[in-house]
């Protein structure tokens, strides 16, 4: 995300003027809008800089993390080199440790709207087993009404300062655009800092990364996008060819591989038993976390159906 501490409104288009479900305001519970704490999904980690969990990403290759382009766009090489990839359960405060980042590559078609994907390259390979990337066209249908699992390190509601803990939540897919799918679920949502995190779906055999969390929009409250809102994910299938240019994805572990074993020769820290390649997670609020998280992203394309579909007229980067 950009370094400007401004939260801008953005517009969305819902294909076919799909409307969101009606919600009973009396049933709205703004407790944990970013879901429940989890130590699962060891391939999902926080992109950390200066101790703050600034975005989320997913290991798709032992040395490559898939995230959102707006998480790294505009950063200098020096700023990128200050980042690390932390995969533990985290804490609502400074995060220490993680694997150092060497470089980052936003998608060449990223224009603050489309192709909001980036690859982050680690200096050493992680020991966690990567998540497989969905490699089949989602367009033919059958996905509307499907529950996907969002995982991220973001804050729990608009205006909070508690980023840094890994959480999961389940949301329903309800509409598609050319390179995104939209989600909404009564009573839960992603929030700021979850950008770049995965939308995961299980076929009963493994978890697949079917999309990357990109942006949120309000639904119940016009001035809140996390609480009562929905969002959209960038479809992995649309950008699969580009991902495969730089990452060796969807590989079965070699026989005898130990994903949790420490490798003294390559500098990978010991795993703490919860998927954490880290030294420790600190405590206490990170003073710079929310300023970095609540940054501006002005969407200029998803406006065509604003008049016909006013219930999803504004949004914000996650």
Protein backbone atom coordinates (compact mmCIF):
# COMPACT_ATOMS: atom_id res chain seq x y z
CA UNK A 1 0.00 0.00 0.00
CA UNK A 2 1.08 3.57 -0.50
CA UNK A 3 2.64 5.57 2.28
CA UNK A 4 -0.05 8.28 2.18
CA UNK A 5 -2.20 7.95 5.34
CA UNK A 6 -5.51 8.61 3.58
CA UNK A 7 -8.49 6.31 3.18
CA UNK A 8 -10.18 7.04 -0.16
CA UNK A 9 -13.55 5.89 -1.44
CA UNK A 10 -13.53 3.61 -4.44
CA UNK A 11 -16.31 2.45 -6.73
CA UNK A 12 -17.24 -1.10 -7.68
CA UNK A 13 -19.19 -2.67 -10.50
CA UNK A 14 -21.37 -5.71 -9.83
CA UNK A 15 -21.77 -7.72 -13.01
CA UNK A 16 -25.41 -8.03 -14.04
CA UNK A 17 -26.39 -5.57 -11.28
CA UNK A 18 -26.32 -8.36 -8.70
CA UNK A 19 -27.62 -7.03 -5.38
CA UNK A 20 -26.47 -8.04 -1.94
CA UNK A 21 -28.71 -10.03 0.40
CA UNK A 22 -31.01 -8.13 2.73
CA UNK A 23 -29.57 -7.94 6.24
CA UNK A 24 -31.48 -7.61 9.50
CA UNK A 25 -29.72 -4.77 11.31
CA UNK A 26 -30.89 -6.14 14.67
CA UNK A 27 -28.83 -9.27 14.03
CA UNK A 28 -25.61 -7.44 13.22
CA UNK A 29 -22.83 -8.27 15.67
CA UNK A 30 -19.69 -6.16 15.31
CA UNK A 31 -17.53 -8.32 17.58
CA UNK A 32 -14.96 -10.14 15.41
CA UNK A 33 -15.47 -8.91 11.88
CA UNK A 34 -12.28 -10.52 10.75
CA UNK A 35 -13.18 -13.96 12.04
CA UNK A 36 -11.60 -16.25 14.60
CA UNK A 37 -7.99 -16.58 15.66
CA UNK A 38 -6.18 -19.48 14.03
CA UNK A 39 -2.80 -21.21 14.05
CA UNK A 40 -3.74 -23.16 10.92
CA UNK A 41 -2.78 -22.37 7.32
CA UNK A 42 1.00 -22.25 7.91
CA UNK A 43 1.66 -21.08 4.35
CA UNK A 44 -0.23 -17.84 5.03
CA UNK A 45 1.89 -15.12 6.58
CA UNK A 46 2.16 -11.42 7.34
CA UNK A 47 4.30 -9.05 5.33
CA UNK A 48 6.04 -7.22 8.15
CA UNK A 49 7.96 -3.95 8.13
CA UNK A 50 9.14 -2.09 11.24
CA UNK A 51 7.35 -4.72 13.32
CA UNK A 52 3.95 -3.99 11.77
CA UNK A 53 1.84 -6.54 9.89
CA UNK A 54 1.16 -4.38 6.87
CA UNK A 55 -0.37 -6.91 4.51
CA UNK A 56 -0.90 -10.64 4.16
CA UNK A 57 0.51 -13.11 1.64
CA UNK A 58 0.52 -16.79 0.78
CA UNK A 59 3.46 -19.07 0.08
CA UNK A 60 2.89 -20.63 -3.36
CA UNK A 61 6.48 -21.76 -3.95
CA UNK A 62 9.10 -22.30 -1.19
CA UNK A 63 10.66 -18.97 -2.08
CA UNK A 64 7.70 -17.01 -3.51
CA UNK A 65 4.75 -15.30 -1.78
CA UNK A 66 1.58 -14.25 -3.61
CA UNK A 67 0.07 -10.98 -2.37
CA UNK A 68 -1.70 -7.83 -3.62
CA UNK A 69 0.13 -5.34 -5.83
CA UNK A 70 -1.01 -2.36 -3.76
CA UNK A 71 0.90 -3.85 -0.80
CA UNK A 72 4.26 -3.27 -2.49
CA UNK A 73 3.55 -0.75 -5.26
CA UNK A 74 5.56 2.43 -4.82
CA UNK A 75 8.02 0.96 -2.31
CA UNK A 76 11.71 1.50 -2.99
CA UNK A 77 14.08 -1.49 -3.20
CA UNK A 78 15.39 -0.49 0.21
CA UNK A 79 11.92 -0.46 1.73
CA UNK A 80 11.14 -3.86 0.22
CA UNK A 81 14.39 -5.23 1.65
CA UNK A 82 13.23 -4.11 5.10
CA UNK A 83 10.25 -6.46 4.91
CA UNK A 84 9.96 -10.00 6.24
CA UNK A 85 7.45 -12.82 5.84
CA UNK A 86 6.12 -14.03 9.21
CA UNK A 87 3.93 -17.14 9.29
CA UNK A 88 3.12 -17.63 12.98
CA UNK A 89 -0.14 -16.92 14.82
CA UNK A 90 1.11 -13.43 15.65
CA UNK A 91 0.10 -10.92 18.30
CA UNK A 92 -1.67 -7.52 18.37
CA UNK A 93 1.63 -5.70 18.37
CA UNK A 94 5.14 -5.74 16.89
CA UNK A 95 6.06 -8.99 15.11
CA UNK A 96 9.67 -10.10 15.28
CA UNK A 97 11.42 -12.60 13.05
CA UNK A 98 10.25 -14.13 9.82
CA UNK A 99 12.09 -14.74 6.57
CA UNK A 100 13.74 -11.74 4.92
CA UNK A 101 12.40 -10.43 1.61
CA UNK A 102 14.70 -9.96 -1.36
CA UNK A 103 12.46 -8.37 -3.99
CA UNK A 104 8.84 -7.82 -5.07
CA UNK A 105 7.20 -7.78 -8.48
CA UNK A 106 3.74 -6.22 -9.05
CA UNK A 107 1.83 -7.50 -12.06
CA UNK A 108 2.75 -5.37 -15.10
CA UNK A 109 -0.93 -4.64 -15.81
CA UNK A 110 -1.65 -3.33 -12.31
CA UNK A 111 -3.36 0.05 -12.59
CA UNK A 112 -4.75 0.49 -9.05
CA UNK A 113 -7.83 -1.50 -10.16
CA UNK A 114 -7.07 -4.50 -12.35
CA UNK A 115 -4.34 -7.09 -11.84
CA UNK A 116 -3.90 -6.28 -8.15
CA UNK A 117 -1.37 -9.08 -7.70
CA UNK A 118 2.30 -9.16 -6.77
CA UNK A 119 4.96 -11.76 -6.10
CA UNK A 120 7.33 -11.34 -3.17
CA UNK A 121 10.63 -13.20 -3.36
CA UNK A 122 12.28 -14.48 -0.18
CA UNK A 123 16.02 -14.60 0.35
CA UNK A 124 15.79 -18.23 1.54
CA UNK A 125 13.20 -20.91 0.99
CA UNK A 126 10.51 -21.38 3.62
CA UNK A 127 10.00 -24.77 5.24
CA UNK A 128 6.21 -24.67 5.14
CA UNK A 129 4.45 -26.50 2.33
CA UNK A 130 3.11 -24.01 -0.23
CA UNK A 131 -0.60 -23.70 -1.01
CA UNK A 132 -1.68 -24.79 -4.47
CA UNK A 133 -2.96 -22.11 -6.86
CA UNK A 134 -6.32 -22.71 -8.54
CA UNK A 135 -5.58 -23.58 -12.17
CA UNK A 136 -9.02 -24.05 -13.75
CA UNK A 137 -11.26 -21.38 -15.30
CA UNK A 138 -13.83 -20.21 -12.74
CA UNK A 139 -16.01 -18.49 -15.36
CA UNK A 140 -18.32 -21.36 -16.40
CA UNK A 141 -20.25 -20.98 -13.15
CA UNK A 142 -20.95 -23.11 -10.15
CA UNK A 143 -19.04 -20.85 -7.77
CA UNK A 144 -21.85 -18.52 -6.76
CA UNK A 145 -22.99 -19.55 -3.29
CA UNK A 146 -19.68 -21.28 -2.54
CA UNK A 147 -18.05 -20.56 0.82
CA UNK A 148 -14.37 -19.62 0.69
CA UNK A 149 -12.04 -19.12 3.66
CA UNK A 150 -10.30 -15.77 4.00
CA UNK A 151 -7.10 -15.70 6.08
CA UNK A 152 -5.25 -12.57 7.12
CA UNK A 153 -3.47 -10.51 9.78
CA UNK A 154 -5.63 -7.40 9.53
CA UNK A 155 -7.56 -5.38 12.07
CA UNK A 156 -10.90 -6.64 13.43
CA UNK A 157 -13.10 -3.64 12.62
CA UNK A 158 -12.92 -0.18 11.06
CA UNK A 159 -10.65 2.10 13.08
CA UNK A 160 -9.13 -0.65 15.24
CA UNK A 161 -5.40 -0.90 16.01
CA UNK A 162 -5.06 -4.64 16.53
CA UNK A 163 -3.43 -5.93 13.34
CA UNK A 164 -0.91 -8.72 13.66
CA UNK A 165 -2.89 -11.84 14.59
CA UNK A 166 -3.76 -14.55 12.08
CA UNK A 167 -7.51 -14.94 11.66
CA UNK A 168 -9.84 -16.85 9.39
CA UNK A 169 -13.42 -16.36 8.32
CA UNK A 170 -15.80 -17.91 5.80
CA UNK A 171 -17.62 -15.76 3.24
CA UNK A 172 -19.89 -16.50 0.29
CA UNK A 173 -19.04 -15.87 -3.35
CA UNK A 174 -21.99 -14.17 -5.06
CA UNK A 175 -20.86 -12.43 -8.28
CA UNK A 176 -18.04 -12.21 -10.83
CA UNK A 177 -16.31 -9.52 -12.86
CA UNK A 178 -13.66 -10.02 -15.53
CA UNK A 179 -10.80 -10.61 -13.09
CA UNK A 180 -12.46 -10.63 -9.65
CA UNK A 181 -15.15 -12.36 -7.64
CA UNK A 182 -17.22 -10.63 -4.96
CA UNK A 183 -17.91 -11.87 -1.44
CA UNK A 184 -20.43 -11.05 1.25
CA UNK A 185 -21.39 -12.80 4.47
CA UNK A 186 -23.77 -11.53 7.12
CA UNK A 187 -21.83 -10.87 10.34
CA UNK A 188 -18.23 -11.21 9.13
CA UNK A 189 -15.78 -9.71 6.67
CA UNK A 190 -12.13 -9.14 5.97
CA UNK A 191 -10.59 -5.85 7.09
CA UNK A 192 -7.59 -3.57 6.53
CA UNK A 193 -4.30 -5.46 6.59
CA UNK A 194 -5.84 -8.60 5.08
CA UNK A 195 -4.92 -7.32 1.60
CA UNK A 196 -2.96 -9.92 -0.30
CA UNK A 197 -4.29 -12.76 1.82
CA UNK A 198 -5.87 -15.79 0.20
CA UNK A 199 -9.41 -16.86 -0.49
CA UNK A 200 -9.03 -20.59 0.09
CA UNK A 201 -11.29 -23.41 -1.03
CA UNK A 202 -10.92 -27.09 -0.17
CA UNK A 203 -11.83 -29.92 -2.54
CA UNK A 204 -11.51 -32.38 0.32
CA UNK A 205 -7.96 -33.26 -0.65
CA UNK A 206 -6.15 -29.94 -0.33
CA UNK A 207 -6.67 -26.22 0.08
CA UNK A 208 -6.53 -24.14 -3.10
CA UNK A 209 -5.80 -20.42 -3.34
CA UNK A 210 -8.59 -19.26 -5.67
CA UNK A 211 -8.20 -15.52 -5.16
CA UNK A 212 -6.27 -12.71 -3.49
CA UNK A 213 -8.01 -10.25 -1.16
CA UNK A 214 -7.97 -6.85 -2.88
CA UNK A 215 -10.70 -4.43 -1.71
CA UNK A 216 -13.74 -3.93 0.53
CA UNK A 217 -17.00 -2.04 0.12
CA UNK A 218 -19.74 -0.88 2.54
CA UNK A 219 -23.18 -2.44 2.68
CA UNK A 220 -24.96 -1.86 5.99
CA UNK A 221 -23.13 1.31 7.08
CA UNK A 222 -22.05 3.88 4.49
CA UNK A 223 -19.02 4.94 6.56
CA UNK A 224 -17.69 1.45 7.36
CA UNK A 225 -16.35 -1.13 4.93
CA UNK A 226 -15.26 -3.88 7.32
CA UNK A 227 -18.24 -3.94 9.68
CA UNK A 228 -21.30 -4.88 7.66
CA UNK A 229 -19.52 -4.76 4.32
CA UNK A 230 -18.26 -7.09 1.63
CA UNK A 231 -15.30 -7.21 -0.70
CA UNK A 232 -13.69 -8.72 -3.74
CA UNK A 233 -10.76 -10.97 -4.58
CA UNK A 234 -8.53 -11.01 -7.66
CA UNK A 235 -9.05 -14.34 -9.43
CA UNK A 236 -5.95 -16.54 -9.48
CA UNK A 237 -7.10 -18.40 -12.60
CA UNK A 238 -7.08 -15.23 -14.70
CA UNK A 239 -3.42 -14.52 -13.93
CA UNK A 240 -2.14 -18.10 -13.69
CA UNK A 241 0.19 -17.84 -16.69
CA UNK A 242 1.97 -14.81 -15.20
CA UNK A 243 2.31 -16.51 -11.82
CA UNK A 244 3.82 -19.59 -13.45
CA UNK A 245 6.50 -17.45 -15.12
CA UNK A 246 8.07 -16.71 -11.74
CA UNK A 247 6.93 -19.45 -9.34
CA UNK A 248 7.06 -23.24 -9.43
CA UNK A 249 3.51 -23.86 -8.26
CA UNK A 250 1.38 -26.91 -7.46
CA UNK A 251 4.28 -29.26 -6.76
CA UNK A 252 3.97 -32.38 -4.65
CA UNK A 253 6.60 -32.49 -1.86
CA UNK A 254 9.55 -34.67 -2.76
CA UNK A 255 9.67 -38.02 -0.91
CA UNK A 256 11.38 -37.59 2.42
CA UNK A 257 10.86 -33.84 2.57
CA UNK A 258 10.28 -32.55 6.11
CA UNK A 259 8.43 -29.26 5.89
CA UNK A 260 9.03 -28.52 9.56
CA UNK A 261 12.70 -29.40 9.74
CA UNK A 262 15.25 -26.70 10.39
CA UNK A 263 18.05 -26.34 7.87
CA UNK A 264 21.16 -25.05 9.62
CA UNK A 265 22.93 -24.50 6.31
CA UNK A 266 20.44 -22.15 4.69
CA UNK A 267 19.68 -19.93 7.67
CA UNK A 268 16.00 -20.86 8.01
CA UNK A 269 14.96 -20.42 11.66
CA UNK A 270 13.42 -23.22 13.67
CA UNK A 271 9.71 -23.82 13.25
CA UNK A 272 7.85 -23.26 16.53
CA UNK A 273 5.33 -26.04 15.90
CA UNK A 274 2.65 -23.61 14.71
CA UNK A 275 4.03 -22.89 11.27
CA UNK A 276 6.06 -19.94 12.51
CA UNK A 277 9.47 -19.26 10.98
CA UNK A 278 10.22 -16.57 13.51
CA UNK A 279 12.06 -15.74 16.68
CA UNK A 280 9.25 -14.23 18.74
CA UNK A 281 6.13 -12.11 18.55
CA UNK A 282 6.18 -8.99 20.68
CA UNK A 283 3.34 -7.46 22.65
CA UNK A 284 1.72 -4.04 22.73
CA UNK A 285 0.21 -1.91 19.97
CA UNK A 286 2.30 -1.01 16.94
CA UNK A 287 2.02 2.78 16.62
CA UNK A 288 2.53 2.86 12.87
CA UNK A 289 0.36 -0.10 11.90
CA UNK A 290 -2.97 1.56 11.17
CA UNK A 291 -1.45 4.61 9.44
CA UNK A 292 0.24 2.27 6.98
CA UNK A 293 -2.83 0.02 6.67
CA UNK A 294 -5.43 2.75 6.05
CA UNK A 295 -3.89 4.04 2.83
CA UNK A 296 -5.44 5.35 -0.36
CA UNK A 297 -6.42 3.43 -3.44
CA UNK A 298 -8.70 5.19 -5.96
CA UNK A 299 -10.56 2.77 -8.22
CA UNK A 300 -11.49 4.29 -11.58
CA UNK A 301 -12.95 1.37 -13.55
CA UNK A 302 -15.61 -0.44 -11.52
CA UNK A 303 -18.12 2.41 -11.89
CA UNK A 304 -20.32 1.44 -14.83
CA UNK A 305 -23.17 0.00 -12.75
CA UNK A 306 -23.06 2.50 -9.90
CA UNK A 307 -26.43 4.07 -10.73
CA UNK A 308 -28.15 0.73 -11.33
CA UNK A 309 -26.47 -1.04 -8.38
CA UNK A 310 -26.22 1.67 -5.70
CA UNK A 311 -25.86 -0.76 -2.77
CA UNK A 312 -22.21 -1.35 -3.63
CA UNK A 313 -21.17 2.06 -4.83
CA UNK A 314 -18.05 2.62 -2.74
CA UNK A 315 -15.18 0.59 -1.47
CA UNK A 316 -11.65 0.66 -0.11
CA UNK A 317 -8.45 -1.38 -0.38
CA UNK A 318 -8.21 -4.13 2.17
